[in-house]
Amino acid sequence: MKLQTLIIQIVLLMTFAAAWKQSPPYGYTYSPLIDINEYVMEIADFAVVEYNKVSGTKLTLNKVFTGESSQVNEGINYRLTLSVLGEYFVSNIYEAVVWESPLFPFRILISFIKN
């Protein structure tokens, strides 16, 4: 079962990487999210957790200020502006972009940039 999940993730990542070369996610038209609901908070939390894995930091999500979405590459990009608590509980603002596939329960952190 783990091998099957890994293969699906690799195929999706390769598909996304090929599409990325053609048109970066910032070239898409984003629509504002009307409501910052639990689902959006889950995506924001995913972004922070994934960033922590890659960077070795211990950030925690504080608040989602704004969010936008865009239909891209057989999925949805979520661009979120987050308040994140870092070391010594210092709050910083980040912009996170997460790609999500509606076909599989699968997400990829595209970017996580400190503003």
PDB file of N, CA and C in Angstrom:
ATOM      1  N   MET A   1       0.823  -1.195   0.000  1.00  0.00           N
ATOM      2  CA  MET A   1       0.000   0.000   0.000  1.00  0.00           C
ATOM      3  C   MET A   1       0.867   1.258   0.000  1.00  0.00           C
ATOM      4  N   LYS A   2       1.963   1.246   0.782  1.00  0.00           N
ATOM      5  CA  LYS A   2       2.840   2.413   0.812  1.00  0.00           C
ATOM      6  C   LYS A   2       3.515   2.630  -0.535  1.00  0.00           C
ATOM      7  N   LEU A   3       3.874   1.533  -1.198  1.00  0.00           N
ATOM      8  CA  LEU A   3       4.511   1.641  -2.506  1.00  0.00           C
ATOM      9  C   LEU A   3       3.550   2.265  -3.512  1.00  0.00           C
ATOM     10  N   GLN A   4       2.294   1.859  -3.466  1.00  0.00           N
ATOM     11  CA  GLN A   4       1.288   2.408  -4.375  1.00  0.00           C
ATOM     12  C   GLN A   4       1.109   3.910  -4.138  1.00  0.00           C
ATOM     13  N   THR A   5       1.056   4.323  -2.887  1.00  0.00           N
ATOM     14  CA  THR A   5       0.926   5.738  -2.557  1.00  0.00           C
ATOM     15  C   THR A   5       2.151   6.511  -3.041  1.00  0.00           C
ATOM     16  N   LEU A   6       3.333   5.939  -2.859  1.00  0.00           N
ATOM     17  CA  LEU A   6       4.563   6.592  -3.304  1.00  0.00           C
ATOM     18  C   LEU A   6       4.570   6.762  -4.817  1.00  0.00           C
ATOM     19  N   ILE A   7       4.142   5.753  -5.540  1.00  0.00           N
ATOM     20  CA  ILE A   7       4.102   5.834  -7.007  1.00  0.00           C
ATOM     21  C   ILE A   7       3.138   6.930  -7.454  1.00  0.00           C
ATOM     22  N   ILE A   8       1.979   7.004  -6.820  1.00  0.00           N
ATOM     23  CA  ILE A   8       1.003   8.043  -7.157  1.00  0.00           C
ATOM     24  C   ILE A   8       1.600   9.426  -6.899  1.00  0.00           C
ATOM     25  N   GLN A   9       2.290   9.587  -5.766  1.00  0.00           N
ATOM     26  CA  GLN A   9       2.901  10.873  -5.437  1.00  0.00           C
ATOM     27  C   GLN A   9       3.964  11.253  -6.447  1.00  0.00           C
ATOM     28  N   ILE A  10       4.775  10.297  -6.865  1.00  0.00           N
ATOM     29  CA  ILE A  10       5.832  10.574  -7.847  1.00  0.00           C
ATOM     30  C   ILE A  10       5.230  10.990  -9.186  1.00  0.00           C
ATOM     31  N   VAL A  11       4.197  10.271  -9.618  1.00  0.00           N
ATOM     32  CA  VAL A  11       3.540  10.612 -10.888  1.00  0.00           C
ATOM     33  C   VAL A  11       2.946  12.015 -10.824  1.00  0.00           C
ATOM     34  N   LEU A  12       2.272  12.327  -9.733  1.00  0.00           N
ATOM     35  CA  LEU A  12       1.691  13.663  -9.587  1.00  0.00           C
ATOM     36  C   LEU A  12       2.764  14.739  -9.554  1.00  0.00           C
ATOM     37  N   LEU A  13       3.843  14.474  -8.852  1.00  0.00           N
ATOM     38  CA  LEU A  13       4.932  15.442  -8.769  1.00  0.00           C
ATOM     39  C   LEU A  13       5.559  15.669 -10.136  1.00  0.00           C
ATOM     40  N   MET A  14       5.744  14.606 -10.908  1.00  0.00           N
ATOM     41  CA  MET A  14       6.307  14.747 -12.250  1.00  0.00           C
ATOM     42  C   MET A  14       5.359  15.533 -13.158  1.00  0.00           C
ATOM     43  N   THR A  15       4.067  15.274 -13.050  1.00  0.00           N
ATOM     44  CA  THR A  15       3.067  16.007 -13.841  1.00  0.00           C
ATOM     45  C   THR A  15       3.095  17.483 -13.486  1.00  0.00           C
ATOM     46  N   PHE A  16       3.156  17.746 -12.178  1.00  0.00           N
ATOM     47  CA  PHE A  16       3.179  19.134 -11.734  1.00  0.00           C
ATOM     48  C   PHE A  16       4.458  19.833 -12.169  1.00  0.00           C
ATOM     49  N   ALA A  17       5.590  19.137 -12.079  1.00  0.00           N
ATOM     50  CA  ALA A  17       6.872  19.728 -12.469  1.00  0.00           C
ATOM     51  C   ALA A  17       6.883  20.081 -13.951  1.00  0.00           C
ATOM     52  N   ALA A  18       6.306  19.212 -14.783  1.00  0.00           N
ATOM     53  CA  ALA A  18       6.237  19.489 -16.221  1.00  0.00           C
ATOM     54  C   ALA A  18       5.366  20.711 -16.494  1.00  0.00           C
ATOM     55  N   ALA A  19       4.259  20.820 -15.804  1.00  0.00           N
ATOM     56  CA  ALA A  19       3.369  21.963 -15.982  1.00  0.00           C
ATOM     57  C   ALA A  19       4.003  23.234 -15.446  1.00  0.00           C
ATOM     58  N   TRP A  20       4.797  23.111 -14.380  1.00  0.00           N
ATOM     59  CA  TRP A  20       5.457  24.256 -13.754  1.00  0.00           C
ATOM     60  C   TRP A  20       6.373  24.957 -14.751  1.00  0.00           C
ATOM     61  N   LYS A  21       7.093  24.177 -15.570  1.00  0.00           N
ATOM     62  CA  LYS A  21       8.009  24.755 -16.553  1.00  0.00           C
ATOM     63  C   LYS A  21       7.260  25.604 -17.564  1.00  0.00           C
ATOM     64  N   GLN A  22       6.028  25.212 -17.869  1.00  0.00           N
ATOM     65  CA  GLN A  22       5.245  25.934 -18.855  1.00  0.00           C
ATOM     66  C   GLN A  22       4.685  27.238 -18.304  1.00  0.00           C
ATOM     67  N   SER A  23       4.272  27.236 -17.058  1.00  0.00           N
ATOM     68  CA  SER A  23       3.623  28.414 -16.496  1.00  0.00           C
ATOM     69  C   SER A  23       3.694  28.373 -14.979  1.00  0.00           C
ATOM     70  N   PRO A  24       4.459  29.277 -14.367  1.00  0.00           N
ATOM     71  CA  PRO A  24       4.573  29.259 -12.911  1.00  0.00           C
ATOM     72  C   PRO A  24       3.251  29.628 -12.247  1.00  0.00           C
ATOM     73  N   PRO A  25       3.057  29.208 -10.981  1.00  0.00           N
ATOM     74  CA  PRO A  25       1.778  29.433 -10.326  1.00  0.00           C
ATOM     75  C   PRO A  25       1.417  30.892 -10.145  1.00  0.00           C
ATOM     76  N   TYR A  26       2.410  31.782 -10.132  1.00  0.00           N
ATOM     77  CA  TYR A  26       2.098  33.189  -9.951  1.00  0.00           C
ATOM     78  C   TYR A  26       1.547  33.821 -11.219  1.00  0.00           C
ATOM     79  N   GLY A  27       1.541  33.090 -12.337  1.00  0.00           N
ATOM     80  CA  GLY A  27       0.976  33.600 -13.570  1.00  0.00           C
ATOM     81  C   GLY A  27      -0.520  33.341 -13.693  1.00  0.00           C
ATOM     82  N   TYR A  28      -1.093  32.640 -12.743  1.00  0.00           N
ATOM     83  CA  TYR A  28      -2.500  32.299 -12.792  1.00  0.00           C
ATOM     84  C   TYR A  28      -3.350  33.401 -12.165  1.00  0.00           C
ATOM     85  N   THR A  29      -4.618  33.390 -12.527  1.00  0.00           N
ATOM     86  CA  THR A  29      -5.563  34.340 -11.961  1.00  0.00           C
ATOM     87  C   THR A  29      -6.140  33.754 -10.683  1.00  0.00           C
ATOM     88  N   TYR A  30      -5.968  34.469  -9.597  1.00  0.00           N
ATOM     89  CA  TYR A  30      -6.472  34.031  -8.303  1.00  0.00           C
ATOM     90  C   TYR A  30      -7.780  34.732  -7.980  1.00  0.00           C
ATOM     91  N   SER A  31      -8.657  34.000  -7.305  1.00  0.00           N
ATOM     92  CA  SER A  31      -9.915  34.550  -6.811  1.00  0.00           C
ATOM     93  C   SER A  31      -9.876  34.539  -5.289  1.00  0.00           C
ATOM     94  N   PRO A  32     -10.339  35.612  -4.650  1.00  0.00           N
ATOM     95  CA  PRO A  32     -10.300  35.638  -3.182  1.00  0.00           C
ATOM     96  C   PRO A  32     -11.188  34.556  -2.576  1.00  0.00           C
ATOM     97  N   LEU A  33     -10.725  33.988  -1.484  1.00  0.00           N
ATOM     98  CA  LEU A  33     -11.542  33.042  -0.729  1.00  0.00           C
ATOM     99  C   LEU A  33     -12.511  33.856   0.110  1.00  0.00           C
ATOM    100  N   ILE A  34     -13.777  33.531   0.029  1.00  0.00           N
ATOM    101  CA  ILE A  34     -14.807  34.285   0.732  1.00  0.00           C
ATOM    102  C   ILE A  34     -14.726  34.070   2.238  1.00  0.00           C
ATOM    103  N   ASP A  35     -14.439  32.839   2.622  1.00  0.00           N
ATOM    104  CA  ASP A  35     -14.447  32.482   4.036  1.00  0.00           C
ATOM    105  C   ASP A  35     -13.175  31.726   4.393  1.00  0.00           C
ATOM    106  N   ILE A  36     -12.503  32.151   5.446  1.00  0.00           N
ATOM    107  CA  ILE A  36     -11.358  31.405   5.962  1.00  0.00           C
ATOM    108  C   ILE A  36     -11.926  30.382   6.947  1.00  0.00           C
ATOM    109  N   ASN A  37     -12.297  29.220   6.413  1.00  0.00           N
ATOM    110  CA  ASN A  37     -12.952  28.193   7.215  1.00  0.00           C
ATOM    111  C   ASN A  37     -11.943  27.140   7.692  1.00  0.00           C
ATOM    112  N   GLU A  38     -12.453  26.074   8.294  1.00  0.00           N
ATOM    113  CA  GLU A  38     -11.582  25.021   8.821  1.00  0.00           C
ATOM    114  C   GLU A  38     -10.743  24.373   7.726  1.00  0.00           C
ATOM    115  N   TYR A  39     -11.307  24.223   6.539  1.00  0.00           N
ATOM    116  CA  TYR A  39     -10.577  23.607   5.431  1.00  0.00           C
ATOM    117  C   TYR A  39      -9.372  24.454   5.038  1.00  0.00           C
ATOM    118  N   VAL A  40      -9.556  25.757   4.959  1.00  0.00           N
ATOM    119  CA  VAL A  40      -8.454  26.662   4.630  1.00  0.00           C
ATOM    120  C   VAL A  40      -7.404  26.634   5.752  1.00  0.00           C
ATOM    121  N   MET A  41      -7.863  26.567   6.987  1.00  0.00           N
ATOM    122  CA  MET A  41      -6.933  26.475   8.120  1.00  0.00           C
ATOM    123  C   MET A  41      -6.115  25.182   8.047  1.00  0.00           C
ATOM    124  N   GLU A  42      -6.738  24.102   7.595  1.00  0.00           N
ATOM    125  CA  GLU A  42      -6.038  22.824   7.434  1.00  0.00           C
ATOM    126  C   GLU A  42      -4.938  22.942   6.376  1.00  0.00           C
ATOM    127  N   ILE A  43      -5.233  23.631   5.283  1.00  0.00           N
ATOM    128  CA  ILE A  43      -4.245  23.838   4.226  1.00  0.00           C
ATOM    129  C   ILE A  43      -3.099  24.708   4.749  1.00  0.00           C
ATOM    130  N   ALA A  44      -3.427  25.747   5.511  1.00  0.00           N
ATOM    131  CA  ALA A  44      -2.407  26.625   6.087  1.00  0.00           C
ATOM    132  C   ALA A  44      -1.524  25.852   7.060  1.00  0.00           C
ATOM    133  N   ASP A  45      -2.130  25.021   7.887  1.00  0.00           N
ATOM    134  CA  ASP A  45      -1.370  24.215   8.831  1.00  0.00           C
ATOM    135  C   ASP A  45      -0.454  23.253   8.084  1.00  0.00           C
ATOM    136  N   PHE A  46      -0.943  22.664   6.999  1.00  0.00           N
ATOM    137  CA  PHE A  46      -0.113  21.794   6.159  1.00  0.00           C
ATOM    138  C   PHE A  46       1.119  22.543   5.665  1.00  0.00           C
ATOM    139  N   ALA A  47       0.918  23.782   5.213  1.00  0.00           N
ATOM    140  CA  ALA A  47       2.036  24.580   4.697  1.00  0.00           C
ATOM    141  C   ALA A  47       3.094  24.788   5.769  1.00  0.00           C
ATOM    142  N   VAL A  48       2.686  25.121   6.975  1.00  0.00           N
ATOM    143  CA  VAL A  48       3.629  25.370   8.063  1.00  0.00           C
ATOM    144  C   VAL A  48       4.371  24.079   8.431  1.00  0.00           C
ATOM    145  N   VAL A  49       3.639  22.978   8.536  1.00  0.00           N
ATOM    146  CA  VAL A  49       4.261  21.692   8.888  1.00  0.00           C
ATOM    147  C   VAL A  49       5.271  21.271   7.827  1.00  0.00           C
ATOM    148  N   GLU A  50       4.907  21.395   6.559  1.00  0.00           N
ATOM    149  CA  GLU A  50       5.829  21.023   5.484  1.00  0.00           C
ATOM    150  C   GLU A  50       7.065  21.919   5.475  1.00  0.00           C
ATOM    151  N   TYR A  51       6.862  23.217   5.695  1.00  0.00           N
ATOM    152  CA  TYR A  51       8.006  24.127   5.748  1.00  0.00           C
ATOM    153  C   TYR A  51       8.940  23.747   6.901  1.00  0.00           C
ATOM    154  N   ASN A  52       8.368  23.394   8.037  1.00  0.00           N
ATOM    155  CA  ASN A  52       9.178  22.967   9.181  1.00  0.00           C
ATOM    156  C   ASN A  52      10.007  21.731   8.843  1.00  0.00           C
ATOM    157  N   LYS A  53       9.417  20.784   8.110  1.00  0.00           N
ATOM    158  CA  LYS A  53      10.140  19.570   7.719  1.00  0.00           C
ATOM    159  C   LYS A  53      11.346  19.896   6.844  1.00  0.00           C
ATOM    160  N   VAL A  54      11.144  20.790   5.890  1.00  0.00           N
ATOM    161  CA  VAL A  54      12.195  21.128   4.935  1.00  0.00           C
ATOM    162  C   VAL A  54      13.275  22.005   5.567  1.00  0.00           C
ATOM    163  N   SER A  55      12.859  22.973   6.366  1.00  0.00           N
ATOM    164  CA  SER A  55      13.805  23.966   6.887  1.00  0.00           C
ATOM    165  C   SER A  55      14.379  23.610   8.249  1.00  0.00           C
ATOM    166  N   GLY A  56      13.750  22.674   8.952  1.00  0.00           N
ATOM    167  CA  GLY A  56      14.218  22.323  10.288  1.00  0.00           C
ATOM    168  C   GLY A  56      13.810  23.328  11.357  1.00  0.00           C
ATOM    169  N   THR A  57      12.866  24.197  11.038  1.00  0.00           N
ATOM    170  CA  THR A  57      12.391  25.189  12.002  1.00  0.00           C
ATOM    171  C   THR A  57      11.238  24.615  12.814  1.00  0.00           C
ATOM    172  N   LYS A  58      10.781  25.387  13.795  1.00  0.00           N
ATOM    173  CA  LYS A  58       9.650  24.970  14.628  1.00  0.00           C
ATOM    174  C   LYS A  58       8.615  26.089  14.672  1.00  0.00           C
ATOM    175  N   LEU A  59       8.136  26.468  13.489  1.00  0.00           N
ATOM    176  CA  LEU A  59       7.114  27.503  13.400  1.00  0.00           C
ATOM    177  C   LEU A  59       5.753  26.917  13.725  1.00  0.00           C
ATOM    178  N   THR A  60       4.850  27.771  14.216  1.00  0.00           N
ATOM    179  CA  THR A  60       3.468  27.354  14.452  1.00  0.00           C
ATOM    180  C   THR A  60       2.535  28.382  13.827  1.00  0.00           C
ATOM    181  N   LEU A  61       1.439  27.887  13.276  1.00  0.00           N
ATOM    182  CA  LEU A  61       0.450  28.752  12.649  1.00  0.00           C
ATOM    183  C   LEU A  61      -0.290  29.542  13.718  1.00  0.00           C
ATOM    184  N   ASN A  62      -0.379  30.843  13.503  1.00  0.00           N
ATOM    185  CA  ASN A  62      -1.099  31.710  14.423  1.00  0.00           C
ATOM    186  C   ASN A  62      -2.454  32.104  13.834  1.00  0.00           C
ATOM    187  N   LYS A  63      -2.439  32.594  12.586  1.00  0.00           N
ATOM    188  CA  LYS A  63      -3.668  33.104  11.978  1.00  0.00           C
ATOM    189  C   LYS A  63      -3.526  33.137  10.458  1.00  0.00           C
ATOM    190  N   VAL A  64      -4.648  32.966   9.767  1.00  0.00           N
ATOM    191  CA  VAL A  64      -4.693  33.151   8.315  1.00  0.00           C
ATOM    192  C   VAL A  64      -5.370  34.490   8.060  1.00  0.00           C
ATOM    193  N   PHE A  65      -4.639  35.424   7.458  1.00  0.00           N
ATOM    194  CA  PHE A  65      -5.196  36.754   7.182  1.00  0.00           C
ATOM    195  C   PHE A  65      -6.067  36.749   5.936  1.00  0.00           C
ATOM    196  N   THR A  66      -5.495  36.285   4.825  1.00  0.00           N
ATOM    197  CA  THR A  66      -6.221  36.284   3.557  1.00  0.00           C
ATOM    198  C   THR A  66      -5.921  35.004   2.803  1.00  0.00           C
ATOM    199  N   GLY A  67      -6.771  34.701   1.848  1.00  0.00           N
ATOM    200  CA  GLY A  67      -6.556  33.534   1.014  1.00  0.00           C
ATOM    201  C   GLY A  67      -7.135  33.738  -0.364  1.00  0.00           C
ATOM    202  N   GLU A  68      -6.497  33.103  -1.323  1.00  0.00           N
ATOM    203  CA  GLU A  68      -6.955  33.133  -2.704  1.00  0.00           C
ATOM    204  C   GLU A  68      -6.788  31.733  -3.280  1.00  0.00           C
ATOM    205  N   SER A  69      -7.554  31.427  -4.307  1.00  0.00           N
ATOM    206  CA  SER A  69      -7.412  30.134  -4.971  1.00  0.00           C
ATOM    207  C   SER A  69      -7.426  30.323  -6.481  1.00  0.00           C
ATOM    208  N   SER A  70      -6.819  29.350  -7.158  1.00  0.00           N
ATOM    209  CA  SER A  70      -6.762  29.383  -8.610  1.00  0.00           C
ATOM    210  C   SER A  70      -6.772  27.949  -9.130  1.00  0.00           C
ATOM    211  N   GLN A  71      -7.585  27.692 -10.156  1.00  0.00           N
ATOM    212  CA  GLN A  71      -7.629  26.377 -10.788  1.00  0.00           C
ATOM    213  C   GLN A  71      -6.413  26.249 -11.690  1.00  0.00           C
ATOM    214  N   VAL A  72      -5.550  25.267 -11.392  1.00  0.00           N
ATOM    215  CA  VAL A  72      -4.311  25.092 -12.154  1.00  0.00           C
ATOM    216  C   VAL A  72      -3.981  23.613 -12.301  1.00  0.00           C
ATOM    217  N   ASN A  73      -3.387  23.254 -13.425  1.00  0.00           N
ATOM    218  CA  ASN A  73      -2.765  21.946 -13.617  1.00  0.00           C
ATOM    219  C   ASN A  73      -3.540  20.802 -12.973  1.00  0.00           C
ATOM    220  N   GLU A  74      -4.795  20.698 -13.290  1.00  0.00           N
ATOM    221  CA  GLU A  74      -5.629  19.633 -12.744  1.00  0.00           C
ATOM    222  C   GLU A  74      -5.639  19.622 -11.222  1.00  0.00           C
ATOM    223  N   GLY A  75      -5.598  20.802 -10.642  1.00  0.00           N
ATOM    224  CA  GLY A  75      -5.637  20.950  -9.201  1.00  0.00           C
ATOM    225  C   GLY A  75      -5.986  22.383  -8.842  1.00  0.00           C
ATOM    226  N   ILE A  76      -5.769  22.716  -7.596  1.00  0.00           N
ATOM    227  CA  ILE A  76      -6.064  24.064  -7.109  1.00  0.00           C
ATOM    228  C   ILE A  76      -4.856  24.587  -6.352  1.00  0.00           C
ATOM    229  N   ASN A  77      -4.438  25.798  -6.677  1.00  0.00           N
ATOM    230  CA  ASN A  77      -3.414  26.486  -5.899  1.00  0.00           C
ATOM    231  C   ASN A  77      -4.113  27.364  -4.870  1.00  0.00           C
ATOM    232  N   TYR A  78      -3.656  27.271  -3.645  1.00  0.00           N
ATOM    233  CA  TYR A  78      -4.124  28.156  -2.585  1.00  0.00           C
ATOM    234  C   TYR A  78      -2.968  29.068  -2.210  1.00  0.00           C
ATOM    235  N   ARG A  79      -3.190  30.360  -2.304  1.00  0.00           N
ATOM    236  CA  ARG A  79      -2.180  31.340  -1.888  1.00  0.00           C
ATOM    237  C   ARG A  79      -2.709  32.004  -0.619  1.00  0.00           C
ATOM    238  N   LEU A  80      -1.998  31.801   0.476  1.00  0.00           N
ATOM    239  CA  LEU A  80      -2.467  32.245   1.782  1.00  0.00           C
ATOM    240  C   LEU A  80      -1.458  33.187   2.432  1.00  0.00           C
ATOM    241  N   THR A  81      -1.953  34.215   3.093  1.00  0.00           N
ATOM    242  CA  THR A  81      -1.118  35.100   3.893  1.00  0.00           C
ATOM    243  C   THR A  81      -1.325  34.704   5.347  1.00  0.00           C
ATOM    244  N   LEU A  82      -0.222  34.298   5.988  1.00  0.00           N
ATOM    245  CA  LEU A  82      -0.277  33.706   7.322  1.00  0.00           C
ATOM    246  C   LEU A  82       0.505  34.504   8.348  1.00  0.00           C
ATOM    247  N   SER A  83       0.022  34.477   9.562  1.00  0.00           N
ATOM    248  CA  SER A  83       0.796  34.928  10.719  1.00  0.00           C
ATOM    249  C   SER A  83       1.342  33.666  11.370  1.00  0.00           C
ATOM    250  N   VAL A  84       2.662  33.623  11.529  1.00  0.00           N
ATOM    251  CA  VAL A  84       3.322  32.429  12.047  1.00  0.00           C
ATOM    252  C   VAL A  84       4.179  32.813  13.243  1.00  0.00           C
ATOM    253  N   LEU A  85       4.100  32.013  14.295  1.00  0.00           N
ATOM    254  CA  LEU A  85       4.926  32.242  15.477  1.00  0.00           C
ATOM    255  C   LEU A  85       6.214  31.437  15.356  1.00  0.00           C
ATOM    256  N   GLY A  86       7.317  32.126  15.581  1.00  0.00           N
ATOM    257  CA  GLY A  86       8.611  31.466  15.507  1.00  0.00           C
ATOM    258  C   GLY A  86       9.254  31.374  16.875  1.00  0.00           C
ATOM    259  N   GLU A  87      10.560  31.383  16.853  1.00  0.00           N
ATOM    260  CA  GLU A  87      11.330  31.291  18.086  1.00  0.00           C
ATOM    261  C   GLU A  87      11.008  32.473  19.000  1.00  0.00           C
ATOM    262  N   TYR A  88      10.908  32.221  20.269  1.00  0.00           N
ATOM    263  CA  TYR A  88      10.581  33.229  21.290  1.00  0.00           C
ATOM    264  C   TYR A  88       9.213  33.877  21.029  1.00  0.00           C
ATOM    265  N   PHE A  89       8.336  33.146  20.346  1.00  0.00           N
ATOM    266  CA  PHE A  89       6.966  33.593  20.062  1.00  0.00           C
ATOM    267  C   PHE A  89       6.918  34.897  19.270  1.00  0.00           C
ATOM    268  N   VAL A  90       7.907  35.106  18.431  1.00  0.00           N
ATOM    269  CA  VAL A  90       7.933  36.269  17.543  1.00  0.00           C
ATOM    270  C   VAL A  90       7.049  35.958  16.341  1.00  0.00           C
ATOM    271  N   SER A  91       6.130  36.875  16.051  1.00  0.00           N
ATOM    272  CA  SER A  91       5.196  36.687  14.947  1.00  0.00           C
ATOM    273  C   SER A  91       5.778  37.267  13.662  1.00  0.00           C
ATOM    274  N   ASN A  92       5.680  36.509  12.575  1.00  0.00           N
ATOM    275  CA  ASN A  92       6.097  36.961  11.257  1.00  0.00           C
ATOM    276  C   ASN A  92       4.996  36.650  10.262  1.00  0.00           C
ATOM    277  N   ILE A  93       4.993  37.382   9.149  1.00  0.00           N
ATOM    278  CA  ILE A  93       4.007  37.191   8.099  1.00  0.00           C
ATOM    279  C   ILE A  93       4.668  36.428   6.953  1.00  0.00           C
ATOM    280  N   TYR A  94       4.001  35.386   6.487  1.00  0.00           N
ATOM    281  CA  TYR A  94       4.481  34.580   5.368  1.00  0.00           C
ATOM    282  C   TYR A  94       3.390  34.476   4.309  1.00  0.00           C
ATOM    283  N   GLU A  95       3.827  34.265   3.073  1.00  0.00           N
ATOM    284  CA  GLU A  95       2.901  33.917   2.002  1.00  0.00           C
ATOM    285  C   GLU A  95       3.208  32.478   1.603  1.00  0.00           C
ATOM    286  N   ALA A  96       2.194  31.637   1.676  1.00  0.00           N
ATOM    287  CA  ALA A  96       2.348  30.229   1.329  1.00  0.00           C
ATOM    288  C   ALA A  96       1.502  29.915   0.106  1.00  0.00           C
ATOM    289  N   VAL A  97       2.058  29.095  -0.789  1.00  0.00           N
ATOM    290  CA  VAL A  97       1.296  28.597  -1.924  1.00  0.00           C
ATOM    291  C   VAL A  97       1.299  27.073  -1.835  1.00  0.00           C
ATOM    292  N   VAL A  98       0.103  26.498  -1.815  1.00  0.00           N
ATOM    293  CA  VAL A  98      -0.070  25.050  -1.721  1.00  0.00           C
ATOM    294  C   VAL A  98      -0.892  24.586  -2.905  1.00  0.00           C
ATOM    295  N   TRP A  99      -0.391  23.561  -3.588  1.00  0.00           N
ATOM    296  CA  TRP A  99      -1.145  22.939  -4.671  1.00  0.00           C
ATOM    297  C   TRP A  99      -1.845  21.712  -4.125  1.00  0.00           C
ATOM    298  N   GLU A 100      -3.123  21.555  -4.479  1.00  0.00           N
ATOM    299  CA  GLU A 100      -3.896  20.414  -4.007  1.00  0.00           C
ATOM    300  C   GLU A 100      -4.583  19.740  -5.184  1.00  0.00           C
ATOM    301  N   SER A 101      -4.513  18.423  -5.205  1.00  0.00           N
ATOM    302  CA  SER A 101      -5.188  17.644  -6.236  1.00  0.00           C
ATOM    303  C   SER A 101      -6.577  17.245  -5.762  1.00  0.00           C
ATOM    304  N   PRO A 102      -7.603  17.516  -6.542  1.00  0.00           N
ATOM    305  CA  PRO A 102      -8.944  17.078  -6.155  1.00  0.00           C
ATOM    306  C   PRO A 102      -9.151  15.578  -6.395  1.00  0.00           C
ATOM    307  N   LEU A 103      -8.293  14.964  -7.217  1.00  0.00           N
ATOM    308  CA  LEU A 103      -8.436  13.551  -7.541  1.00  0.00           C
ATOM    309  C   LEU A 103      -7.925  12.640  -6.427  1.00  0.00           C
ATOM    310  N   PHE A 104      -6.893  13.093  -5.743  1.00  0.00           N
ATOM    311  CA  PHE A 104      -6.290  12.314  -4.661  1.00  0.00           C
ATOM    312  C   PHE A 104      -6.187  13.214  -3.439  1.00  0.00           C
ATOM    313  N   PRO A 105      -6.150  12.652  -2.267  1.00  0.00           N
ATOM    314  CA  PRO A 105      -5.901  13.498  -1.082  1.00  0.00           C
ATOM    315  C   PRO A 105      -4.417  13.835  -1.024  1.00  0.00           C
ATOM    316  N   PHE A 106      -3.999  14.783  -1.843  1.00  0.00           N
ATOM    317  CA  PHE A 106      -2.578  15.045  -2.057  1.00  0.00           C
ATOM    318  C   PHE A 106      -2.319  16.531  -2.134  1.00  0.00           C
ATOM    319  N   ARG A 107      -1.314  17.006  -1.401  1.00  0.00           N
ATOM    320  CA  ARG A 107      -0.928  18.422  -1.408  1.00  0.00           C
ATOM    321  C   ARG A 107       0.579  18.546  -1.554  1.00  0.00           C
ATOM    322  N   ILE A 108       1.002  19.654  -2.173  1.00  0.00           N
ATOM    323  CA  ILE A 108       2.420  19.978  -2.297  1.00  0.00           C
ATOM    324  C   ILE A 108       2.602  21.434  -1.900  1.00  0.00           C
ATOM    325  N   LEU A 109       3.589  21.697  -1.052  1.00  0.00           N
ATOM    326  CA  LEU A 109       3.942  23.070  -0.710  1.00  0.00           C
ATOM    327  C   LEU A 109       4.798  23.623  -1.837  1.00  0.00           C
ATOM    328  N   ILE A 110       4.309  24.641  -2.510  1.00  0.00           N
ATOM    329  CA  ILE A 110       5.028  25.245  -3.639  1.00  0.00           C
ATOM    330  C   ILE A 110       6.005  26.303  -3.149  1.00  0.00           C
ATOM    331  N   SER A 111       5.549  27.179  -2.273  1.00  0.00           N
ATOM    332  CA  SER A 111       6.426  28.225  -1.740  1.00  0.00           C
ATOM    333  C   SER A 111       5.971  28.632  -0.353  1.00  0.00           C
ATOM    334  N   PHE A 112       6.913  29.148   0.404  1.00  0.00           N
ATOM    335  CA  PHE A 112       6.656  29.640   1.759  1.00  0.00           C
ATOM    336  C   PHE A 112       7.648  30.774   1.969  1.00  0.00           C
ATOM    337  N   ILE A 113       7.177  32.004   1.769  1.00  0.00           N
ATOM    338  CA  ILE A 113       8.077  33.157   1.705  1.00  0.00           C
ATOM    339  C   ILE A 113       7.740  34.146   2.811  1.00  0.00           C
ATOM    340  N   LYS A 114       8.766  34.562   3.527  1.00  0.00           N
ATOM    341  CA  LYS A 114       8.579  35.548   4.580  1.00  0.00           C
ATOM    342  C   LYS A 114       8.407  36.925   3.950  1.00  0.00           C
ATOM    343  N   ASN A 115       7.388  37.647   4.379  1.00  0.00           N
ATOM    344  CA  ASN A 115       7.141  39.010   3.879  1.00  0.00           C
ATOM    345  C   ASN A 115       7.845  40.033   4.724  1.00  0.00           C
TER     346      ASN A 115
END
